Amino acid sequence: MSGSRLSRRSLLAGAGAGALATAAASVPLPLRAFGAEGEARTLRMATSWSGGALYELGAQAFADRVAAETAGRIRIEVATGGTLGPALEVPQTVLGGGAEMGHSWSAYTGVEDPLAVLLGGLPGGLGSLEMLHWIDAGGGRELWGRVRYERDGLIAFPLVVQTPEIFLHARTPVRTEADLAGLRIRTSGSWLTFAKELGAETVSLPQAEIAGALADGSVDGAEWANPSQNLALGLPGLVPYTMIPGIHQPGSVFELTIAPDIWTSLDGETQAVIARAARDVTLEAWTALGVADTFAMPEIAAQTEIVELEPAFRERIRSLVADWAATQAAADPLFREVHAAIQTFDAAWTGAGRWRGETVCC
């Protein structure tokens, strides 16, 4: 992560303990009537998205909610990926002053930043439903805000928990590790490294370039997101096979990042609006994506052959990632703290699974 980092002491001095507590804990706060006084203010939001659900249900929905709750006093201009800075480097753009806030996926950093990968969702890690519960009511939001601020000098809130992804759209079927070996695939985050360790050749491309690369043969396969987003991007119509389940990304958390000097310049009620809007939009986006996926999968199945990964391959992925996480936890206290919190919640959630009668996505 590039850019300067602010100390907790300096932000406290500039904002007061109450404002910092709102930022670091990211707790849902009650809204009060917004006063008419104060000049209108426009903030720029950098994103990683060229359009689609993450742009519309996440970034733009958040901007619309904030504008409505502040009676237009705070307006957020949402920029498409690459407009204000590199599409996959949004937090760096925010810290560098290229935008006042951003919406992206922390794990785009890849394994070079293990904590960012952990926050965004590990391959073989928490599923979407479990991730949503941990973030919203299991302590995840508060922990997220604190570690992002302490380590990176960013004010950060989870903003959209994505439903499980499609593992791969490809020209050849993939069921085993041997099937993946030798394929050139588009992916991102830590899966760039893990898939390479499993024998694939991996490349990172932003959303806007994925379909073109798959269509012209620059890649043999590609993963992007959940079923409805992949369908909207046209991926199932480009190659004959769709691989499930998305064990490489069973639950992804995207984040709103805000430059600390911008945050401290906002009054307490505006900070409360932002915290509440991030929470509400996250819940609404998750259900909207779930409904969209329900109707997208039959369409994908009509266009391609659905192929399931073999159980042994799924376990191989889990084992590979678990070994990596254990190494990172031993080396980094913040990683260890967050990883332990996730594992504790996961154990409790799994233990309660019998009475819920749930199935695990992958």
Protein backbone atom coordinates (compact mmCIF):
# COMPACT_ATOMS: atom_id res chain seq x y z
CA MET A 1 0.00 0.00 0.00
CA SER A 2 1.45 3.33 -1.02
CA GLY A 3 0.74 6.73 0.47
CA SER A 4 1.29 8.25 3.86
CA ARG A 5 -0.22 6.73 6.98
CA LEU A 6 -1.64 8.82 9.77
CA SER A 7 -1.19 7.90 13.39
CA ARG A 8 -4.20 7.21 15.57
CA ARG A 9 -3.06 10.05 17.86
CA SER A 10 -3.01 12.64 15.04
CA LEU A 11 -6.48 11.73 13.84
CA LEU A 12 -7.83 11.90 17.35
CA ALA A 13 -6.36 15.35 17.71
CA GLY A 14 -8.01 16.51 14.50
CA ALA A 15 -11.42 14.94 14.87
CA GLY A 16 -12.17 14.20 18.50
CA ALA A 17 -12.73 10.78 20.06
CA GLY A 18 -16.41 10.62 19.08
CA ALA A 19 -15.79 11.06 15.36
CA LEU A 20 -12.94 8.54 15.38
CA ALA A 21 -15.05 5.97 17.19
CA THR A 22 -17.66 6.25 14.43
CA ALA A 23 -15.00 5.70 11.78
CA ALA A 24 -13.11 2.89 13.43
CA ALA A 25 -16.05 0.88 14.68
CA SER A 26 -18.32 1.52 11.66
CA VAL A 27 -21.33 0.69 13.79
CA PRO A 28 -24.89 1.32 12.56
CA LEU A 29 -25.98 4.69 13.85
CA PRO A 30 -29.46 6.20 14.12
CA LEU A 31 -30.23 8.97 11.66
CA ARG A 32 -31.56 12.34 12.71
CA ALA A 33 -33.14 15.09 10.65
CA PHE A 34 -30.51 16.94 8.66
CA GLY A 35 -30.35 20.70 9.16
CA ALA A 36 -30.73 23.02 6.21
CA GLU A 37 -27.64 25.00 7.11
CA GLY A 38 -24.29 24.39 5.48
CA GLU A 39 -23.07 24.59 1.92
CA ALA A 40 -23.48 21.74 -0.53
CA ARG A 41 -20.34 19.69 -1.02
CA THR A 42 -19.29 17.33 -3.81
CA LEU A 43 -16.93 14.41 -3.18
CA ARG A 44 -15.34 12.26 -5.90
CA MET A 45 -15.46 8.48 -5.62
CA ALA A 46 -12.92 6.38 -7.51
CA THR A 47 -14.05 2.81 -8.29
CA SER A 48 -12.78 -0.36 -9.90
CA TRP A 49 -15.96 -0.80 -11.94
CA SER A 50 -16.75 -0.04 -15.58
CA GLY A 51 -20.43 -0.56 -14.78
CA GLY A 52 -22.66 -3.42 -13.69
CA ALA A 53 -23.91 -4.50 -10.29
CA LEU A 54 -20.94 -3.42 -8.17
CA TYR A 55 -21.21 0.05 -9.69
CA GLU A 56 -24.99 0.33 -9.56
CA LEU A 57 -25.94 -1.66 -6.43
CA GLY A 58 -22.81 -0.65 -4.53
CA ALA A 59 -21.10 2.63 -5.36
CA GLN A 60 -23.99 4.50 -7.01
CA ALA A 61 -26.61 3.20 -4.59
CA PHE A 62 -24.44 4.43 -1.73
CA ALA A 63 -24.01 7.84 -3.36
CA ASP A 64 -27.76 8.12 -3.92
CA ARG A 65 -28.49 7.16 -0.32
CA VAL A 66 -26.09 9.74 1.10
CA ALA A 67 -27.50 12.48 -1.14
CA ALA A 68 -31.04 11.65 -0.04
CA GLU A 69 -30.24 11.46 3.68
CA THR A 70 -28.35 14.77 3.61
CA ALA A 71 -31.04 16.52 1.52
CA GLY A 72 -28.46 17.02 -1.23
CA ARG A 73 -25.90 18.66 1.04
CA ILE A 74 -23.37 15.87 0.31
CA ARG A 75 -23.17 14.74 -3.30
CA ILE A 76 -20.85 11.94 -4.40
CA GLU A 77 -19.71 11.79 -8.01
CA VAL A 78 -19.05 8.12 -8.84
CA ALA A 79 -16.31 7.58 -11.43
CA THR A 80 -15.85 4.44 -13.50
CA GLY A 81 -12.70 2.37 -13.10
CA GLY A 82 -9.56 4.02 -14.41
CA THR A 83 -11.02 7.54 -14.55
CA LEU A 84 -9.44 8.94 -11.40
CA GLY A 85 -6.60 6.44 -11.06
CA PRO A 86 -5.73 2.79 -11.83
CA ALA A 87 -8.87 0.65 -11.57
CA LEU A 88 -7.22 -1.92 -9.31
CA GLU A 89 -5.46 0.63 -7.06
CA VAL A 90 -8.37 2.62 -5.63
CA PRO A 91 -7.13 2.86 -1.99
CA GLN A 92 -3.83 4.26 -3.25
CA THR A 93 -5.74 6.83 -5.32
CA VAL A 94 -7.67 7.90 -2.22
CA LEU A 95 -4.57 8.18 -0.04
CA GLY A 96 -2.76 10.07 -2.80
CA GLY A 97 -5.48 12.70 -3.11
CA GLY A 98 -6.79 11.64 -6.51
CA ALA A 99 -10.26 11.09 -5.02
CA GLU A 100 -11.94 11.82 -1.72
CA MET A 101 -13.30 8.28 -1.41
CA GLY A 102 -13.31 5.00 -3.27
CA HIS A 103 -15.13 1.71 -3.77
CA SER A 104 -13.09 -1.37 -4.59
CA TRP A 105 -11.90 -4.77 -3.36
CA SER A 106 -9.02 -4.70 -0.90
CA ALA A 107 -7.74 -8.06 -2.12
CA TYR A 108 -6.77 -6.70 -5.55
CA THR A 109 -3.36 -6.24 -3.92
CA GLY A 110 -2.78 -9.99 -4.10
CA VAL A 111 -0.57 -11.87 -1.67
CA GLU A 112 1.84 -8.92 -1.48
CA ASP A 113 -0.61 -7.56 1.13
CA PRO A 114 -1.90 -10.58 3.07
CA LEU A 115 -4.12 -8.56 5.43
CA ALA A 116 -5.94 -6.93 2.52
CA VAL A 117 -6.49 -10.38 1.02
CA LEU A 118 -7.87 -11.69 4.30
CA LEU A 119 -10.32 -8.80 4.61
CA GLY A 120 -11.55 -9.24 1.05
CA GLY A 121 -12.23 -12.95 1.52
CA LEU A 122 -9.92 -15.95 1.27
CA PRO A 123 -10.28 -18.75 -1.28
CA GLY A 124 -12.05 -21.59 0.50
CA GLY A 125 -12.98 -19.18 3.30
CA LEU A 126 -16.28 -17.89 4.67
CA GLY A 127 -19.25 -18.30 2.38
CA SER A 128 -21.34 -15.30 1.41
CA LEU A 129 -24.11 -15.84 3.96
CA GLU A 130 -21.66 -16.44 6.79
CA MET A 131 -19.52 -13.50 5.70
CA LEU A 132 -22.52 -11.18 5.73
CA HIS A 133 -23.40 -12.21 9.29
CA TRP A 134 -19.82 -11.81 10.50
CA ILE A 135 -19.51 -8.37 8.92
CA ASP A 136 -22.91 -7.05 9.99
CA ALA A 137 -23.40 -8.44 13.50
CA GLY A 138 -20.42 -10.64 14.37
CA GLY A 139 -17.79 -7.97 14.91
CA GLY A 140 -16.38 -7.89 11.40
CA ARG A 141 -17.33 -4.31 10.59
CA GLU A 142 -15.75 -2.94 13.73
CA LEU A 143 -12.56 -4.97 13.29
CA TRP A 144 -12.34 -4.00 9.62
CA GLY A 145 -12.56 -0.29 10.37
CA ARG A 146 -9.98 -0.46 13.13
CA VAL A 147 -7.27 -2.44 11.34
CA ARG A 148 -7.64 -0.49 8.09
CA TYR A 149 -7.18 2.74 9.99
CA GLU A 150 -4.39 1.56 12.31
CA ARG A 151 -2.30 0.06 9.54
CA ASP A 152 -3.13 2.09 6.43
CA GLY A 153 -4.45 5.43 7.66
CA LEU A 154 -7.73 4.83 5.80
CA ILE A 155 -11.27 5.25 7.02
CA ALA A 156 -12.97 2.10 5.72
CA PHE A 157 -16.39 0.49 5.80
CA PRO A 158 -17.53 -2.77 4.21
CA LEU A 159 -19.77 -1.85 1.28
CA VAL A 160 -21.30 -4.89 -0.49
CA VAL A 161 -20.86 -8.54 0.34
CA GLN A 162 -20.99 -10.46 -2.91
CA THR A 163 -22.74 -13.79 -3.43
CA PRO A 164 -20.55 -16.82 -4.36
CA GLU A 165 -18.66 -16.54 -7.62
CA ILE A 166 -18.47 -18.81 -10.65
CA PHE A 167 -15.16 -20.66 -10.52
CA LEU A 168 -14.31 -20.32 -14.21
CA HIS A 169 -15.69 -19.92 -17.73
CA ALA A 170 -13.34 -21.77 -20.10
CA ARG A 171 -12.86 -23.47 -23.44
CA THR A 172 -12.14 -26.81 -21.80
CA PRO A 173 -13.76 -28.45 -18.75
CA VAL A 174 -11.97 -28.19 -15.40
CA ARG A 175 -12.71 -30.75 -12.70
CA THR A 176 -9.28 -31.45 -11.23
CA GLU A 177 -5.96 -29.80 -10.54
CA ALA A 178 -4.56 -31.51 -13.63
CA ASP A 179 -7.30 -29.94 -15.77
CA LEU A 180 -6.38 -26.46 -14.54
CA ALA A 181 -2.65 -26.93 -15.14
CA GLY A 182 -1.41 -25.17 -18.26
CA LEU A 183 -4.47 -22.98 -18.78
CA ARG A 184 -4.02 -19.24 -19.15
CA ILE A 185 -6.75 -17.69 -17.01
CA ARG A 186 -7.86 -14.22 -16.05
CA THR A 187 -8.27 -13.79 -12.32
CA SER A 188 -7.36 -11.37 -9.54
CA GLY A 189 -6.31 -11.04 -5.91
CA SER A 190 -4.64 -13.93 -4.13
CA TRP A 191 -6.04 -16.39 -6.66
CA LEU A 192 -3.45 -15.06 -9.11
CA THR A 193 -0.83 -16.73 -6.90
CA PHE A 194 -2.73 -19.78 -5.71
CA ALA A 195 -3.95 -20.77 -9.18
CA LYS A 196 -0.40 -20.40 -10.44
CA GLU A 197 0.78 -22.75 -7.71
CA LEU A 198 -1.84 -25.20 -8.97
CA GLY A 199 -0.31 -25.06 -12.45
CA ALA A 200 -2.27 -22.35 -14.25
CA GLU A 201 -0.83 -19.31 -15.97
CA THR A 202 -2.58 -16.28 -14.48
CA VAL A 203 -3.15 -12.73 -15.68
CA SER A 204 -4.90 -9.79 -14.03
CA LEU A 205 -7.33 -7.71 -16.07
CA PRO A 206 -9.88 -5.09 -15.00
CA GLN A 207 -13.59 -5.68 -15.59
CA ALA A 208 -13.67 -3.76 -18.88
CA GLU A 209 -11.08 -6.03 -20.54
CA ILE A 210 -12.24 -9.50 -19.49
CA ALA A 211 -14.80 -10.33 -22.18
CA GLY A 212 -12.53 -9.14 -24.98
CA ALA A 213 -9.63 -11.26 -23.76
CA LEU A 214 -11.84 -14.34 -23.52
CA ALA A 215 -13.36 -13.72 -26.94
CA ASP A 216 -10.09 -13.21 -28.81
CA GLY A 217 -8.31 -16.13 -27.15
CA SER A 218 -5.88 -14.06 -25.10
CA VAL A 219 -6.97 -16.23 -22.18
CA ASP A 220 -8.29 -19.80 -22.09
CA GLY A 221 -10.65 -19.04 -19.23
CA ALA A 222 -11.79 -16.24 -16.97
CA GLU A 223 -13.44 -15.67 -13.64
CA TRP A 224 -15.05 -12.40 -12.70
CA ALA A 225 -17.89 -12.52 -10.19
CA ASN A 226 -21.18 -14.14 -9.27
CA PRO A 227 -23.56 -15.69 -11.85
CA SER A 228 -25.68 -12.63 -12.61
CA GLN A 229 -22.67 -10.36 -13.08
CA ASN A 230 -20.91 -12.89 -15.31
CA LEU A 231 -24.05 -13.26 -17.39
CA ALA A 232 -24.33 -9.49 -17.76
CA LEU A 233 -20.69 -9.36 -18.89
CA GLY A 234 -21.46 -11.98 -21.54
CA LEU A 235 -18.91 -14.56 -20.40
CA PRO A 236 -21.11 -17.68 -20.70
CA GLY A 237 -21.74 -16.93 -24.36
CA LEU A 238 -18.04 -16.87 -25.21
CA VAL A 239 -16.89 -20.35 -24.15
CA PRO A 240 -18.65 -23.74 -23.77
CA TYR A 241 -17.94 -24.62 -20.11
CA THR A 242 -18.88 -23.07 -16.77
CA MET A 243 -17.18 -24.42 -13.64
CA ILE A 244 -18.75 -24.40 -10.17
CA PRO A 245 -18.63 -23.93 -7.18
CA GLY A 246 -16.65 -20.72 -6.70
CA ILE A 247 -14.36 -22.05 -4.02
CA HIS A 248 -11.74 -19.50 -5.07
CA GLN A 249 -14.13 -16.78 -3.83
CA PRO A 250 -17.14 -18.09 -1.87
CA GLY A 251 -17.66 -14.73 -0.16
CA SER A 252 -16.18 -11.38 -1.16
CA VAL A 253 -16.38 -8.14 0.80
CA PHE A 254 -15.93 -4.86 -1.03
CA GLU A 255 -15.07 -1.67 0.79
CA LEU A 256 -15.68 2.03 0.93
CA THR A 257 -12.48 3.93 1.67
CA ILE A 258 -12.31 7.59 2.68
CA ALA A 259 -9.30 9.85 3.02
CA PRO A 260 -8.86 10.64 6.74
CA ASP A 261 -8.62 14.40 6.20
CA ILE A 262 -11.91 14.31 4.31
CA TRP A 263 -13.52 12.28 7.09
CA THR A 264 -12.42 14.68 9.81
CA SER A 265 -13.76 17.62 7.79
CA LEU A 266 -17.29 16.14 7.91
CA ASP A 267 -19.65 16.92 10.76
CA GLY A 268 -20.85 14.15 13.05
CA GLU A 269 -24.27 13.81 11.43
CA THR A 270 -22.73 13.38 7.99
CA GLN A 271 -20.40 10.71 9.35
CA ALA A 272 -23.44 8.96 10.83
CA VAL A 273 -25.22 9.07 7.48
CA ILE A 274 -22.21 7.53 5.72
CA ALA A 275 -21.90 4.72 8.27
CA ARG A 276 -25.61 3.91 8.07
CA ALA A 277 -25.72 4.12 4.28
CA ALA A 278 -22.80 1.70 3.92
CA ARG A 279 -24.58 -0.83 6.13
CA ASP A 280 -27.99 -0.48 4.48
CA VAL A 281 -26.64 -0.67 0.94
CA THR A 282 -24.60 -3.77 1.84
CA LEU A 283 -27.71 -5.61 3.05
CA GLU A 284 -29.81 -4.51 0.10
CA ALA A 285 -27.15 -5.40 -2.47
CA TRP A 286 -26.70 -8.89 -1.03
CA THR A 287 -30.36 -9.81 -1.41
CA ALA A 288 -30.57 -8.17 -4.85
CA LEU A 289 -27.56 -10.18 -6.05
CA GLY A 290 -29.03 -13.37 -4.60
CA VAL A 291 -32.30 -12.90 -6.48
CA ALA A 292 -30.46 -12.02 -9.70
CA ASP A 293 -28.27 -15.14 -9.38
CA THR A 294 -31.35 -17.32 -8.91
CA PHE A 295 -32.57 -16.39 -12.37
CA ALA A 296 -29.15 -16.11 -13.98
CA MET A 297 -28.02 -19.71 -13.40
CA PRO A 298 -30.71 -21.30 -15.61
CA GLU A 299 -29.68 -18.93 -18.40
CA ILE A 300 -26.03 -19.83 -17.94
CA ALA A 301 -26.91 -23.53 -17.95
CA ALA A 302 -28.78 -23.04 -21.23
CA GLN A 303 -25.71 -21.49 -22.84
CA THR A 304 -22.92 -23.67 -21.45
CA GLU A 305 -22.22 -27.05 -19.90
CA ILE A 306 -22.06 -26.81 -16.10
CA VAL A 307 -19.06 -28.70 -14.67
CA GLU A 308 -18.50 -29.35 -10.95
CA LEU A 309 -15.06 -29.37 -9.38
CA GLU A 310 -14.14 -32.69 -7.81
CA PRO A 311 -14.11 -32.78 -3.99
CA ALA A 312 -10.42 -33.66 -3.88
CA PHE A 313 -9.59 -30.53 -5.86
CA ARG A 314 -11.61 -28.37 -3.47
CA GLU A 315 -9.79 -29.84 -0.49
CA ARG A 316 -6.45 -29.23 -2.19
CA ILE A 317 -7.33 -25.55 -2.55
CA ARG A 318 -8.43 -25.27 1.08
CA SER A 319 -5.23 -26.91 2.28
CA LEU A 320 -3.01 -24.68 0.13
CA VAL A 321 -4.68 -21.51 1.41
CA ALA A 322 -4.74 -22.69 5.04
CA ASP A 323 -0.99 -23.30 4.99
CA TRP A 324 -0.41 -19.84 3.53
CA ALA A 325 -2.67 -18.20 6.13
CA ALA A 326 -0.88 -19.96 8.98
CA THR A 327 2.45 -18.62 7.74
CA GLN A 328 1.07 -15.07 7.51
CA ALA A 329 -0.50 -15.28 10.97
CA ALA A 330 2.83 -16.27 12.47
CA ALA A 331 4.52 -13.23 10.92
CA ASP A 332 1.93 -10.44 11.30
CA PRO A 333 0.04 -9.68 14.54
CA LEU A 334 -2.79 -7.82 12.77
CA PHE A 335 -3.27 -10.64 10.29
CA ARG A 336 -3.26 -13.08 13.21
CA GLU A 337 -5.90 -11.08 15.06
CA VAL A 338 -8.27 -10.85 12.11
CA HIS A 339 -7.68 -14.45 11.05
CA ALA A 340 -8.36 -15.70 14.58
CA ALA A 341 -11.59 -13.69 14.75
CA ILE A 342 -12.76 -15.17 11.45
CA GLN A 343 -11.84 -18.71 12.48
CA THR A 344 -13.63 -18.34 15.81
CA PHE A 345 -16.79 -17.12 14.10
CA ASP A 346 -16.52 -19.83 11.45
CA ALA A 347 -16.29 -22.57 14.08
CA ALA A 348 -19.36 -21.25 15.88
CA TRP A 349 -21.30 -20.83 12.64
CA THR A 350 -20.41 -24.31 11.42
CA GLY A 351 -21.33 -25.81 14.77
CA ALA A 352 -24.78 -24.24 14.54
CA GLY A 353 -25.29 -25.40 10.97
CA ARG A 354 -27.23 -28.53 11.88
CA TRP A 355 -30.20 -26.74 13.31
CA ARG A 356 -30.25 -24.33 10.36
CA GLY A 357 -30.29 -27.24 7.94
CA GLU A 358 -27.98 -25.27 5.65
CA THR A 359 -25.70 -26.43 2.89
CA VAL A 360 -22.28 -24.95 2.31
CA CYS A 361 -21.67 -23.43 -1.11
CA CYS A 362 -18.25 -25.12 -1.67
